[in-house]
Amino acid sequence: MANDQFQMRLNRKEMKPNDFTCRMCGACCRIKDGIVRVSDAEIARIAAYLGMGEAEFIERETEVAPDRKSLILKSRPDGSCAYLTEDNLCRINPVKPDKCRTFPFEWTNPDSVEVCPQLASLR
């Protein structure tokens, strides 16, 4: 029952910043087939942070999403985020996409508790 209540809290987006402290394990950045959509504003912000123009960033760092509705960040061949460092840190942390910034406070996936050890510890 407690697990069901926890999943309901996640589904209703009731997770608060004081409820969750990221362990910086990088598990959420290694989800195979994970998609990080990027908006025009995020593209501009990340490109500027990396010292490149938006067109160059789009060409080198993004691809069309499988549903062809937006651009997504390219992943490494193993499916991990291209911006994840060996220390499990985000190379673009100050300007990371909203999807990354808002997890798990504004969204989760059905398997988020299995993927994220910190969420699993809160069950």
PDB file of N, CA and C in Angstrom:
ATOM      1  N   MET A   1       0.826  -1.202   0.000  1.00  0.00           N
ATOM      2  CA  MET A   1       0.000   0.000   0.000  1.00  0.00           C
ATOM      3  C   MET A   1       0.869   1.265   0.000  1.00  0.00           C
ATOM      4  N   ALA A   2       1.943   1.243   0.791  1.00  0.00           N
ATOM      5  CA  ALA A   2       2.820   2.420   0.851  1.00  0.00           C
ATOM      6  C   ALA A   2       3.419   2.717  -0.515  1.00  0.00           C
ATOM      7  N   ASN A   3       3.806   1.658  -1.254  1.00  0.00           N
ATOM      8  CA  ASN A   3       4.357   1.864  -2.593  1.00  0.00           C
ATOM      9  C   ASN A   3       3.326   2.468  -3.521  1.00  0.00           C
ATOM     10  N   ASP A   4       2.075   2.031  -3.417  1.00  0.00           N
ATOM     11  CA  ASP A   4       1.002   2.606  -4.237  1.00  0.00           C
ATOM     12  C   ASP A   4       0.804   4.085  -3.919  1.00  0.00           C
ATOM     13  N   GLN A   5       0.834   4.435  -2.648  1.00  0.00           N
ATOM     14  CA  GLN A   5       0.682   5.835  -2.253  1.00  0.00           C
ATOM     15  C   GLN A   5       1.851   6.665  -2.763  1.00  0.00           C
ATOM     16  N   PHE A   6       3.050   6.105  -2.699  1.00  0.00           N
ATOM     17  CA  PHE A   6       4.228   6.811  -3.199  1.00  0.00           C
ATOM     18  C   PHE A   6       4.106   7.055  -4.697  1.00  0.00           C
ATOM     19  N   GLN A   7       3.717   6.023  -5.457  1.00  0.00           N
ATOM     20  CA  GLN A   7       3.553   6.180  -6.905  1.00  0.00           C
ATOM     21  C   GLN A   7       2.470   7.206  -7.215  1.00  0.00           C
ATOM     22  N   MET A   8       1.402   7.229  -6.416  1.00  0.00           N
ATOM     23  CA  MET A   8       0.340   8.225  -6.627  1.00  0.00           C
ATOM     24  C   MET A   8       0.880   9.630  -6.397  1.00  0.00           C
ATOM     25  N   ARG A   9       1.730   9.821  -5.379  1.00  0.00           N
ATOM     26  CA  ARG A   9       2.343  11.134  -5.141  1.00  0.00           C
ATOM     27  C   ARG A   9       3.181  11.550  -6.342  1.00  0.00           C
ATOM     28  N   LEU A  10       3.945  10.604  -6.888  1.00  0.00           N
ATOM     29  CA  LEU A  10       4.746  10.908  -8.075  1.00  0.00           C
ATOM     30  C   LEU A  10       3.850  11.264  -9.249  1.00  0.00           C
ATOM     31  N   ASN A  11       2.817  10.488  -9.464  1.00  0.00           N
ATOM     32  CA  ASN A  11       1.910  10.729 -10.588  1.00  0.00           C
ATOM     33  C   ASN A  11       1.215  12.082 -10.474  1.00  0.00           C
ATOM     34  N   ARG A  12       0.915  12.494  -9.244  1.00  0.00           N
ATOM     35  CA  ARG A  12       0.241  13.789  -9.043  1.00  0.00           C
ATOM     36  C   ARG A  12       1.236  14.937  -8.931  1.00  0.00           C
ATOM     37  N   LYS A  13       2.503  14.639  -9.117  1.00  0.00           N
ATOM     38  CA  LYS A  13       3.563  15.648  -9.072  1.00  0.00           C
ATOM     39  C   LYS A  13       3.618  16.346  -7.712  1.00  0.00           C
ATOM     40  N   GLU A  14       3.480  15.563  -6.655  1.00  0.00           N
ATOM     41  CA  GLU A  14       3.505  16.108  -5.302  1.00  0.00           C
ATOM     42  C   GLU A  14       4.884  16.059  -4.657  1.00  0.00           C
ATOM     43  N   MET A  15       5.889  15.629  -5.397  1.00  0.00           N
ATOM     44  CA  MET A  15       7.243  15.582  -4.864  1.00  0.00           C
ATOM     45  C   MET A  15       7.732  17.029  -4.703  1.00  0.00           C
ATOM     46  N   LYS A  16       8.234  17.336  -3.529  1.00  0.00           N
ATOM     47  CA  LYS A  16       8.730  18.681  -3.236  1.00  0.00           C
ATOM     48  C   LYS A  16      10.257  18.651  -3.126  1.00  0.00           C
ATOM     49  N   PRO A  17      10.926  19.790  -3.371  1.00  0.00           N
ATOM     50  CA  PRO A  17      12.394  19.817  -3.296  1.00  0.00           C
ATOM     51  C   PRO A  17      12.965  19.265  -1.994  1.00  0.00           C
ATOM     52  N   ASN A  18      12.305  19.487  -0.879  1.00  0.00           N
ATOM     53  CA  ASN A  18      12.822  18.965   0.391  1.00  0.00           C
ATOM     54  C   ASN A  18      12.641  17.458   0.524  1.00  0.00           C
ATOM     55  N   ASP A  19      11.807  16.862  -0.343  1.00  0.00           N
ATOM     56  CA  ASP A  19      11.565  15.423  -0.304  1.00  0.00           C
ATOM     57  C   ASP A  19      12.654  14.638  -1.034  1.00  0.00           C
ATOM     58  N   PHE A  20      13.405  15.296  -1.886  1.00  0.00           N
ATOM     59  CA  PHE A  20      14.303  14.584  -2.787  1.00  0.00           C
ATOM     60  C   PHE A  20      15.645  15.295  -2.873  1.00  0.00           C
ATOM     61  N   THR A  21      16.710  14.565  -2.634  1.00  0.00           N
ATOM     62  CA  THR A  21      18.061  15.079  -2.826  1.00  0.00           C
ATOM     63  C   THR A  21      18.772  14.143  -3.792  1.00  0.00           C
ATOM     64  N   CYS A  22      19.165  14.679  -4.920  1.00  0.00           N
ATOM     65  CA  CYS A  22      19.821  13.879  -5.945  1.00  0.00           C
ATOM     66  C   CYS A  22      21.124  13.296  -5.405  1.00  0.00           C
ATOM     67  N   ARG A  23      21.344  12.013  -5.670  1.00  0.00           N
ATOM     68  CA  ARG A  23      22.583  11.341  -5.258  1.00  0.00           C
ATOM     69  C   ARG A  23      23.706  11.530  -6.271  1.00  0.00           C
ATOM     70  N   MET A  24      23.384  12.137  -7.406  1.00  0.00           N
ATOM     71  CA  MET A  24      24.352  12.368  -8.470  1.00  0.00           C
ATOM     72  C   MET A  24      24.996  11.063  -8.929  1.00  0.00           C
ATOM     73  N   CYS A  25      24.162  10.043  -9.069  1.00  0.00           N
ATOM     74  CA  CYS A  25      24.652   8.734  -9.509  1.00  0.00           C
ATOM     75  C   CYS A  25      24.651   8.620 -11.031  1.00  0.00           C
ATOM     76  N   GLY A  26      23.914   9.494 -11.718  1.00  0.00           N
ATOM     77  CA  GLY A  26      23.866   9.479 -13.171  1.00  0.00           C
ATOM     78  C   GLY A  26      22.908   8.460 -13.761  1.00  0.00           C
ATOM     79  N   ALA A  27      22.178   7.737 -12.944  1.00  0.00           N
ATOM     80  CA  ALA A  27      21.273   6.701 -13.467  1.00  0.00           C
ATOM     81  C   ALA A  27      20.220   7.297 -14.396  1.00  0.00           C
ATOM     82  N   CYS A  28      19.693   8.448 -14.061  1.00  0.00           N
ATOM     83  CA  CYS A  28      18.657   9.060 -14.902  1.00  0.00           C
ATOM     84  C   CYS A  28      19.228   9.558 -16.227  1.00  0.00           C
ATOM     85  N   CYS A  29      20.527   9.705 -16.294  1.00  0.00           N
ATOM     86  CA  CYS A  29      21.196  10.157 -17.521  1.00  0.00           C
ATOM     87  C   CYS A  29      21.665   8.989 -18.378  1.00  0.00           C
ATOM     88  N   ARG A  30      21.370   7.786 -17.924  1.00  0.00           N
ATOM     89  CA  ARG A  30      21.798   6.582 -18.640  1.00  0.00           C
ATOM     90  C   ARG A  30      20.626   5.724 -19.099  1.00  0.00           C
ATOM     91  N   ILE A  31      19.454   6.287 -19.149  1.00  0.00           N
ATOM     92  CA  ILE A  31      18.270   5.520 -19.533  1.00  0.00           C
ATOM     93  C   ILE A  31      18.328   5.231 -21.030  1.00  0.00           C
ATOM     94  N   LYS A  32      18.372   3.961 -21.373  1.00  0.00           N
ATOM     95  CA  LYS A  32      18.415   3.586 -22.785  1.00  0.00           C
ATOM     96  C   LYS A  32      17.144   4.093 -23.457  1.00  0.00           C
ATOM     97  N   ASP A  33      17.320   4.693 -24.605  1.00  0.00           N
ATOM     98  CA  ASP A  33      16.203   5.264 -25.370  1.00  0.00           C
ATOM     99  C   ASP A  33      15.541   6.447 -24.662  1.00  0.00           C
ATOM    100  N   GLY A  34      16.243   7.040 -23.690  1.00  0.00           N
ATOM    101  CA  GLY A  34      15.724   8.240 -23.049  1.00  0.00           C
ATOM    102  C   GLY A  34      15.759   9.400 -24.038  1.00  0.00           C
ATOM    103  N   ILE A  35      14.743  10.226 -23.987  1.00  0.00           N
ATOM    104  CA  ILE A  35      14.642  11.345 -24.920  1.00  0.00           C
ATOM    105  C   ILE A  35      14.599  12.643 -24.135  1.00  0.00           C
ATOM    106  N   VAL A  36      15.453  13.579 -24.518  1.00  0.00           N
ATOM    107  CA  VAL A  36      15.430  14.914 -23.916  1.00  0.00           C
ATOM    108  C   VAL A  36      15.124  15.897 -25.040  1.00  0.00           C
ATOM    109  N   ARG A  37      13.867  16.312 -25.088  1.00  0.00           N
ATOM    110  CA  ARG A  37      13.449  17.307 -26.070  1.00  0.00           C
ATOM    111  C   ARG A  37      14.027  18.657 -25.668  1.00  0.00           C
ATOM    112  N   VAL A  38      14.373  19.462 -26.664  1.00  0.00           N
ATOM    113  CA  VAL A  38      14.894  20.795 -26.388  1.00  0.00           C
ATOM    114  C   VAL A  38      14.098  21.837 -27.170  1.00  0.00           C
ATOM    115  N   SER A  39      13.747  22.893 -26.467  1.00  0.00           N
ATOM    116  CA  SER A  39      13.015  24.006 -27.073  1.00  0.00           C
ATOM    117  C   SER A  39      13.995  24.970 -27.734  1.00  0.00           C
ATOM    118  N   ASP A  40      13.468  25.924 -28.467  1.00  0.00           N
ATOM    119  CA  ASP A  40      14.323  26.944 -29.078  1.00  0.00           C
ATOM    120  C   ASP A  40      15.110  27.702 -28.015  1.00  0.00           C
ATOM    121  N   ALA A  41      14.446  28.027 -26.908  1.00  0.00           N
ATOM    122  CA  ALA A  41      15.125  28.760 -25.831  1.00  0.00           C
ATOM    123  C   ALA A  41      16.245  27.923 -25.215  1.00  0.00           C
ATOM    124  N   GLU A  42      16.002  26.626 -25.036  1.00  0.00           N
ATOM    125  CA  GLU A  42      17.035  25.755 -24.471  1.00  0.00           C
ATOM    126  C   GLU A  42      18.201  25.601 -25.435  1.00  0.00           C
ATOM    127  N   ILE A  43      17.900  25.495 -26.715  1.00  0.00           N
ATOM    128  CA  ILE A  43      18.955  25.413 -27.727  1.00  0.00           C
ATOM    129  C   ILE A  43      19.835  26.654 -27.659  1.00  0.00           C
ATOM    130  N   ALA A  44      19.216  27.819 -27.599  1.00  0.00           N
ATOM    131  CA  ALA A  44      19.976  29.072 -27.534  1.00  0.00           C
ATOM    132  C   ALA A  44      20.845  29.121 -26.277  1.00  0.00           C
ATOM    133  N   ARG A  45      20.269  28.727 -25.152  1.00  0.00           N
ATOM    134  CA  ARG A  45      20.977  28.769 -23.870  1.00  0.00           C
ATOM    135  C   ARG A  45      22.159  27.801 -23.855  1.00  0.00           C
ATOM    136  N   ILE A  46      21.942  26.570 -24.296  1.00  0.00           N
ATOM    137  CA  ILE A  46      23.009  25.567 -24.273  1.00  0.00           C
ATOM    138  C   ILE A  46      24.095  25.924 -25.281  1.00  0.00           C
ATOM    139  N   ALA A  47      23.686  26.343 -26.471  1.00  0.00           N
ATOM    140  CA  ALA A  47      24.672  26.716 -27.495  1.00  0.00           C
ATOM    141  C   ALA A  47      25.570  27.846 -26.991  1.00  0.00           C
ATOM    142  N   ALA A  48      24.967  28.873 -26.404  1.00  0.00           N
ATOM    143  CA  ALA A  48      25.753  29.994 -25.877  1.00  0.00           C
ATOM    144  C   ALA A  48      26.718  29.513 -24.795  1.00  0.00           C
ATOM    145  N   TYR A  49      26.248  28.644 -23.919  1.00  0.00           N
ATOM    146  CA  TYR A  49      27.085  28.117 -22.842  1.00  0.00           C
ATOM    147  C   TYR A  49      28.283  27.343 -23.400  1.00  0.00           C
ATOM    148  N   LEU A  50      28.044  26.609 -24.492  1.00  0.00           N
ATOM    149  CA  LEU A  50      29.110  25.821 -25.111  1.00  0.00           C
ATOM    150  C   LEU A  50      29.961  26.638 -26.075  1.00  0.00           C
ATOM    151  N   GLY A  51      29.605  27.914 -26.266  1.00  0.00           N
ATOM    152  CA  GLY A  51      30.393  28.791 -27.130  1.00  0.00           C
ATOM    153  C   GLY A  51      30.239  28.492 -28.610  1.00  0.00           C
ATOM    154  N   MET A  52      29.052  28.079 -28.998  1.00  0.00           N
ATOM    155  CA  MET A  52      28.821  27.823 -30.421  1.00  0.00           C
ATOM    156  C   MET A  52      27.514  28.475 -30.852  1.00  0.00           C
ATOM    157  N   GLY A  53      27.366  28.668 -32.130  1.00  0.00           N
ATOM    158  CA  GLY A  53      26.137  29.216 -32.656  1.00  0.00           C
ATOM    159  C   GLY A  53      25.015  28.191 -32.588  1.00  0.00           C
ATOM    160  N   GLU A  54      23.785  28.681 -32.655  1.00  0.00           N
ATOM    161  CA  GLU A  54      22.639  27.789 -32.565  1.00  0.00           C
ATOM    162  C   GLU A  54      22.594  26.794 -33.725  1.00  0.00           C
ATOM    163  N   ALA A  55      22.893  27.249 -34.927  1.00  0.00           N
ATOM    164  CA  ALA A  55      22.864  26.345 -36.085  1.00  0.00           C
ATOM    165  C   ALA A  55      23.890  25.226 -35.925  1.00  0.00           C
ATOM    166  N   GLU A  56      25.081  25.583 -35.454  1.00  0.00           N
ATOM    167  CA  GLU A  56      26.117  24.575 -35.234  1.00  0.00           C
ATOM    168  C   GLU A  56      25.686  23.591 -34.150  1.00  0.00           C
ATOM    169  N   PHE A  57      25.106  24.114 -33.076  1.00  0.00           N
ATOM    170  CA  PHE A  57      24.629  23.248 -31.993  1.00  0.00           C
ATOM    171  C   PHE A  57      23.571  22.280 -32.508  1.00  0.00           C
ATOM    172  N   ILE A  58      22.617  22.799 -33.255  1.00  0.00           N
ATOM    173  CA  ILE A  58      21.560  21.939 -33.796  1.00  0.00           C
ATOM    174  C   ILE A  58      22.160  20.849 -34.674  1.00  0.00           C
ATOM    175  N   GLU A  59      23.087  21.214 -35.523  1.00  0.00           N
ATOM    176  CA  GLU A  59      23.707  20.246 -36.434  1.00  0.00           C
ATOM    177  C   GLU A  59      24.501  19.173 -35.695  1.00  0.00           C
ATOM    178  N   ARG A  60      25.284  19.595 -34.710  1.00  0.00           N
ATOM    179  CA  ARG A  60      26.197  18.665 -34.031  1.00  0.00           C
ATOM    180  C   ARG A  60      25.586  17.924 -32.851  1.00  0.00           C
ATOM    181  N   GLU A  61      24.656  18.571 -32.147  1.00  0.00           N
ATOM    182  CA  GLU A  61      24.237  18.051 -30.842  1.00  0.00           C
ATOM    183  C   GLU A  61      22.790  17.579 -30.757  1.00  0.00           C
ATOM    184  N   THR A  62      22.010  17.748 -31.821  1.00  0.00           N
ATOM    185  CA  THR A  62      20.605  17.341 -31.762  1.00  0.00           C
ATOM    186  C   THR A  62      20.251  16.449 -32.942  1.00  0.00           C
ATOM    187  N   GLU A  63      19.092  15.841 -32.839  1.00  0.00           N
ATOM    188  CA  GLU A  63      18.514  15.071 -33.930  1.00  0.00           C
ATOM    189  C   GLU A  63      16.998  15.185 -33.841  1.00  0.00           C
ATOM    190  N   VAL A  64      16.329  14.800 -34.879  1.00  0.00           N
ATOM    191  CA  VAL A  64      14.871  14.855 -34.888  1.00  0.00           C
ATOM    192  C   VAL A  64      14.338  13.732 -33.996  1.00  0.00           C
ATOM    193  N   ALA A  65      13.355  14.064 -33.170  1.00  0.00           N
ATOM    194  CA  ALA A  65      12.744  13.074 -32.278  1.00  0.00           C
ATOM    195  C   ALA A  65      12.065  11.975 -33.089  1.00  0.00           C
ATOM    196  N   PRO A  66      11.945  10.789 -32.513  1.00  0.00           N
ATOM    197  CA  PRO A  66      11.290   9.699 -33.236  1.00  0.00           C
ATOM    198  C   PRO A  66       9.881  10.048 -33.733  1.00  0.00           C
ATOM    199  N   ASP A  67       9.161  10.877 -32.979  1.00  0.00           N
ATOM    200  CA  ASP A  67       7.816  11.267 -33.422  1.00  0.00           C
ATOM    201  C   ASP A  67       7.839  12.446 -34.391  1.00  0.00           C
ATOM    202  N   ARG A  68       9.043  12.931 -34.703  1.00  0.00           N
ATOM    203  CA  ARG A  68       9.280  14.015 -35.652  1.00  0.00           C
ATOM    204  C   ARG A  68       8.602  15.330 -35.255  1.00  0.00           C
ATOM    205  N   LYS A  69       8.350  15.522 -33.957  1.00  0.00           N
ATOM    206  CA  LYS A  69       7.674  16.729 -33.483  1.00  0.00           C
ATOM    207  C   LYS A  69       8.617  17.754 -32.876  1.00  0.00           C
ATOM    208  N   SER A  70       9.876  17.382 -32.672  1.00  0.00           N
ATOM    209  CA  SER A  70      10.811  18.311 -32.041  1.00  0.00           C
ATOM    210  C   SER A  70      12.233  17.806 -32.234  1.00  0.00           C
ATOM    211  N   LEU A  71      13.164  18.598 -31.749  1.00  0.00           N
ATOM    212  CA  LEU A  71      14.554  18.162 -31.694  1.00  0.00           C
ATOM    213  C   LEU A  71      14.832  17.577 -30.319  1.00  0.00           C
ATOM    214  N   ILE A  72      15.727  16.619 -30.281  1.00  0.00           N
ATOM    215  CA  ILE A  72      16.159  16.027 -29.017  1.00  0.00           C
ATOM    216  C   ILE A  72      17.680  16.052 -28.979  1.00  0.00           C
ATOM    217  N   LEU A  73      18.218  16.004 -27.769  1.00  0.00           N
ATOM    218  CA  LEU A  73      19.665  15.918 -27.624  1.00  0.00           C
ATOM    219  C   LEU A  73      20.133  14.546 -28.085  1.00  0.00           C
ATOM    220  N   LYS A  74      21.251  14.517 -28.782  1.00  0.00           N
ATOM    221  CA  LYS A  74      21.842  13.246 -29.176  1.00  0.00           C
ATOM    222  C   LYS A  74      22.360  12.530 -27.931  1.00  0.00           C
ATOM    223  N   SER A  75      22.326  11.228 -27.995  1.00  0.00           N
ATOM    224  CA  SER A  75      22.861  10.393 -26.920  1.00  0.00           C
ATOM    225  C   SER A  75      24.123   9.706 -27.407  1.00  0.00           C
ATOM    226  N   ARG A  76      24.866   9.159 -26.480  1.00  0.00           N
ATOM    227  CA  ARG A  76      26.017   8.329 -26.824  1.00  0.00           C
ATOM    228  C   ARG A  76      25.515   6.985 -27.360  1.00  0.00           C
ATOM    229  N   PRO A  77      26.385   6.231 -28.012  1.00  0.00           N
ATOM    230  CA  PRO A  77      25.962   4.917 -28.533  1.00  0.00           C
ATOM    231  C   PRO A  77      25.359   3.994 -27.468  1.00  0.00           C
ATOM    232  N   ASP A  78      25.809   4.132 -26.213  1.00  0.00           N
ATOM    233  CA  ASP A  78      25.254   3.284 -25.144  1.00  0.00           C
ATOM    234  C   ASP A  78      23.939   3.819 -24.590  1.00  0.00           C
ATOM    235  N   GLY A  79      23.451   4.936 -25.129  1.00  0.00           N
ATOM    236  CA  GLY A  79      22.184   5.514 -24.693  1.00  0.00           C
ATOM    237  C   GLY A  79      22.308   6.577 -23.618  1.00  0.00           C
ATOM    238  N   SER A  80      23.483   6.744 -23.051  1.00  0.00           N
ATOM    239  CA  SER A  80      23.651   7.748 -22.000  1.00  0.00           C
ATOM    240  C   SER A  80      23.712   9.150 -22.600  1.00  0.00           C
ATOM    241  N   CYS A  81      23.473  10.120 -21.763  1.00  0.00           N
ATOM    242  CA  CYS A  81      23.503  11.516 -22.194  1.00  0.00           C
ATOM    243  C   CYS A  81      24.927  11.903 -22.590  1.00  0.00           C
ATOM    244  N   ALA A  82      25.034  12.599 -23.684  1.00  0.00           N
ATOM    245  CA  ALA A  82      26.345  13.033 -24.177  1.00  0.00           C
ATOM    246  C   ALA A  82      27.017  14.032 -23.231  1.00  0.00           C
ATOM    247  N   TYR A  83      26.253  14.634 -22.347  1.00  0.00           N
ATOM    248  CA  TYR A  83      26.804  15.640 -21.434  1.00  0.00           C
ATOM    249  C   TYR A  83      27.127  15.095 -20.047  1.00  0.00           C
ATOM    250  N   LEU A  84      26.936  13.804 -19.839  1.00  0.00           N
ATOM    251  CA  LEU A  84      27.262  13.185 -18.562  1.00  0.00           C
ATOM    252  C   LEU A  84      28.765  12.935 -18.501  1.00  0.00           C
ATOM    253  N   THR A  85      29.406  13.453 -17.459  1.00  0.00           N
ATOM    254  CA  THR A  85      30.849  13.279 -17.305  1.00  0.00           C
ATOM    255  C   THR A  85      31.152  11.946 -16.613  1.00  0.00           C
ATOM    256  N   GLU A  86      32.422  11.582 -16.595  1.00  0.00           N
ATOM    257  CA  GLU A  86      32.833  10.348 -15.910  1.00  0.00           C
ATOM    258  C   GLU A  86      32.529  10.406 -14.421  1.00  0.00           C
ATOM    259  N   ASP A  87      32.421  11.609 -13.854  1.00  0.00           N
ATOM    260  CA  ASP A  87      32.123  11.781 -12.425  1.00  0.00           C
ATOM    261  C   ASP A  87      30.617  11.827 -12.163  1.00  0.00           C
ATOM    262  N   ASN A  88      29.802  11.502 -13.161  1.00  0.00           N
ATOM    263  CA  ASN A  88      28.336  11.555 -13.063  1.00  0.00           C
ATOM    264  C   ASN A  88      27.816  12.977 -12.881  1.00  0.00           C
ATOM    265  N   LEU A  89      28.532  13.934 -13.395  1.00  0.00           N
ATOM    266  CA  LEU A  89      28.092  15.317 -13.346  1.00  0.00           C
ATOM    267  C   LEU A  89      27.623  15.749 -14.725  1.00  0.00           C
ATOM    268  N   CYS A  90      26.804  16.770 -14.761  1.00  0.00           N
ATOM    269  CA  CYS A  90      26.294  17.291 -16.023  1.00  0.00           C
ATOM    270  C   CYS A  90      27.217  18.405 -16.508  1.00  0.00           C
ATOM    271  N   ARG A  91      27.764  18.208 -17.685  1.00  0.00           N
ATOM    272  CA  ARG A  91      28.693  19.186 -18.258  1.00  0.00           C
ATOM    273  C   ARG A  91      27.995  20.510 -18.567  1.00  0.00           C
ATOM    274  N   ILE A  92      26.680  20.487 -18.732  1.00  0.00           N
ATOM    275  CA  ILE A  92      25.935  21.718 -19.027  1.00  0.00           C
ATOM    276  C   ILE A  92      24.966  22.060 -17.889  1.00  0.00           C
ATOM    277  N   ASN A  93      25.292  21.644 -16.673  1.00  0.00           N
ATOM    278  CA  ASN A  93      24.391  21.800 -15.533  1.00  0.00           C
ATOM    279  C   ASN A  93      23.779  23.197 -15.393  1.00  0.00           C
ATOM    280  N   PRO A  94      24.545  24.278 -15.501  1.00  0.00           N
ATOM    281  CA  PRO A  94      23.926  25.602 -15.325  1.00  0.00           C
ATOM    282  C   PRO A  94      22.833  25.919 -16.349  1.00  0.00           C
ATOM    283  N   VAL A  95      22.849  25.227 -17.487  1.00  0.00           N
ATOM    284  CA  VAL A  95      21.881  25.512 -18.549  1.00  0.00           C
ATOM    285  C   VAL A  95      21.161  24.241 -19.021  1.00  0.00           C
ATOM    286  N   LYS A  96      21.150  23.215 -18.192  1.00  0.00           N
ATOM    287  CA  LYS A  96      20.568  21.948 -18.627  1.00  0.00           C
ATOM    288  C   LYS A  96      19.090  22.105 -18.970  1.00  0.00           C
ATOM    289  N   PRO A  97      18.589  21.244 -19.849  1.00  0.00           N
ATOM    290  CA  PRO A  97      17.194  21.348 -20.283  1.00  0.00           C
ATOM    291  C   PRO A  97      16.206  21.224 -19.125  1.00  0.00           C
ATOM    292  N   ASP A  98      15.037  21.812 -19.327  1.00  0.00           N
ATOM    293  CA  ASP A  98      14.000  21.776 -18.295  1.00  0.00           C
ATOM    294  C   ASP A  98      13.648  20.350 -17.900  1.00  0.00           C
ATOM    295  N   LYS A  99      13.643  19.427 -18.856  1.00  0.00           N
ATOM    296  CA  LYS A  99      13.313  18.034 -18.527  1.00  0.00           C
ATOM    297  C   LYS A  99      14.253  17.509 -17.451  1.00  0.00           C
ATOM    298  N   CYS A 100      15.517  17.816 -17.572  1.00  0.00           N
ATOM    299  CA  CYS A 100      16.497  17.365 -16.584  1.00  0.00           C
ATOM    300  C   CYS A 100      16.345  18.131 -15.273  1.00  0.00           C
ATOM    301  N   ARG A 101      16.124  19.410 -15.370  1.00  0.00           N
ATOM    302  CA  ARG A 101      16.034  20.288 -14.209  1.00  0.00           C
ATOM    303  C   ARG A 101      14.813  19.976 -13.335  1.00  0.00           C
ATOM    304  N   THR A 102      13.733  19.543 -13.949  1.00  0.00           N
ATOM    305  CA  THR A 102      12.464  19.395 -13.220  1.00  0.00           C
ATOM    306  C   THR A 102      12.181  17.975 -12.728  1.00  0.00           C
ATOM    307  N   PHE A 103      13.054  17.007 -13.033  1.00  0.00           N
ATOM    308  CA  PHE A 103      12.858  15.644 -12.537  1.00  0.00           C
ATOM    309  C   PHE A 103      13.232  15.566 -11.076  1.00  0.00           C
ATOM    310  N   PRO A 104      12.464  14.936 -10.215  1.00  0.00           N
ATOM    311  CA  PRO A 104      11.168  14.297 -10.350  1.00  0.00           C
ATOM    312  C   PRO A 104      10.018  15.177  -9.886  1.00  0.00           C
ATOM    313  N   PHE A 105      10.247  16.467  -9.830  1.00  0.00           N
ATOM    314  CA  PHE A 105       9.250  17.370  -9.258  1.00  0.00           C
ATOM    315  C   PHE A 105       8.067  17.647 -10.180  1.00  0.00           C
ATOM    316  N   GLU A 106       8.311  17.677 -11.478  1.00  0.00           N
ATOM    317  CA  GLU A 106       7.238  17.979 -12.418  1.00  0.00           C
ATOM    318  C   GLU A 106       6.883  16.818 -13.321  1.00  0.00           C
ATOM    319  N   TRP A 107       7.730  15.805 -13.358  1.00  0.00           N
ATOM    320  CA  TRP A 107       7.417  14.642 -14.195  1.00  0.00           C
ATOM    321  C   TRP A 107       8.203  13.432 -13.710  1.00  0.00           C
ATOM    322  N   THR A 108       7.657  12.276 -13.975  1.00  0.00           N
ATOM    323  CA  THR A 108       8.345  11.004 -13.794  1.00  0.00           C
ATOM    324  C   THR A 108       7.830  10.060 -14.877  1.00  0.00           C
ATOM    325  N   ASN A 109       8.554   8.989 -15.095  1.00  0.00           N
ATOM    326  CA  ASN A 109       8.114   7.912 -15.978  1.00  0.00           C
ATOM    327  C   ASN A 109       7.616   6.769 -15.109  1.00  0.00           C
ATOM    328  N   PRO A 110       6.871   5.839 -15.683  1.00  0.00           N
ATOM    329  CA  PRO A 110       6.415   4.699 -14.882  1.00  0.00           C
ATOM    330  C   PRO A 110       7.556   3.916 -14.230  1.00  0.00           C
ATOM    331  N   ASP A 111       8.738   3.922 -14.847  1.00  0.00           N
ATOM    332  CA  ASP A 111       9.863   3.170 -14.285  1.00  0.00           C
ATOM    333  C   ASP A 111      10.850   4.039 -13.499  1.00  0.00           C
ATOM    334  N   SER A 112      10.492   5.274 -13.203  1.00  0.00           N
ATOM    335  CA  SER A 112      11.431   6.178 -12.532  1.00  0.00           C
ATOM    336  C   SER A 112      11.915   5.646 -11.189  1.00  0.00           C
ATOM    337  N   VAL A 113      11.029   4.993 -10.449  1.00  0.00           N
ATOM    338  CA  VAL A 113      11.418   4.476  -9.140  1.00  0.00           C
ATOM    339  C   VAL A 113      12.443   3.355  -9.294  1.00  0.00           C
ATOM    340  N   GLU A 114      12.342   2.572 -10.371  1.00  0.00           N
ATOM    341  CA  GLU A 114      13.317   1.513 -10.607  1.00  0.00           C
ATOM    342  C   GLU A 114      14.643   2.083 -11.110  1.00  0.00           C
ATOM    343  N   VAL A 115      14.588   3.175 -11.837  1.00  0.00           N
ATOM    344  CA  VAL A 115      15.793   3.775 -12.418  1.00  0.00           C
ATOM    345  C   VAL A 115      16.568   4.578 -11.377  1.00  0.00           C
ATOM    346  N   CYS A 116      15.866   5.360 -10.589  1.00  0.00           N
ATOM    347  CA  CYS A 116      16.501   6.307  -9.659  1.00  0.00           C
ATOM    348  C   CYS A 116      16.596   5.709  -8.250  1.00  0.00           C
ATOM    349  N   PRO A 117      17.810   5.440  -7.768  1.00  0.00           N
ATOM    350  CA  PRO A 117      17.947   4.854  -6.427  1.00  0.00           C
ATOM    351  C   PRO A 117      17.445   5.771  -5.318  1.00  0.00           C
ATOM    352  N   GLN A 118      17.513   7.077  -5.505  1.00  0.00           N
ATOM    353  CA  GLN A 118      17.018   7.978  -4.472  1.00  0.00           C
ATOM    354  C   GLN A 118      15.498   7.898  -4.376  1.00  0.00           C
ATOM    355  N   LEU A 119      14.813   7.869  -5.497  1.00  0.00           N
ATOM    356  CA  LEU A 119      13.359   7.687  -5.458  1.00  0.00           C
ATOM    357  C   LEU A 119      13.004   6.353  -4.832  1.00  0.00           C
ATOM    358  N   ALA A 120      13.738   5.313  -5.190  1.00  0.00           N
ATOM    359  CA  ALA A 120      13.468   3.982  -4.636  1.00  0.00           C
ATOM    360  C   ALA A 120      13.620   3.997  -3.115  1.00  0.00           C
ATOM    361  N   SER A 121      14.579   4.742  -2.607  1.00  0.00           N
ATOM    362  CA  SER A 121      14.799   4.786  -1.154  1.00  0.00           C
ATOM    363  C   SER A 121      13.695   5.525  -0.413  1.00  0.00           C
ATOM    364  N   LEU A 122      12.905   6.298  -1.123  1.00  0.00           N
ATOM    365  CA  LEU A 122      11.834   7.074  -0.499  1.00  0.00           C
ATOM    366  C   LEU A 122      10.515   6.310  -0.414  1.00  0.00           C
ATOM    367  N   ARG A 123      10.455   5.162  -1.072  1.00  0.00           N
ATOM    368  CA  ARG A 123       9.202   4.371  -1.061  1.00  0.00           C
ATOM    369  C   ARG A 123       8.790   4.002   0.316  1.00  0.00           C
TER     370      ARG A 123
END
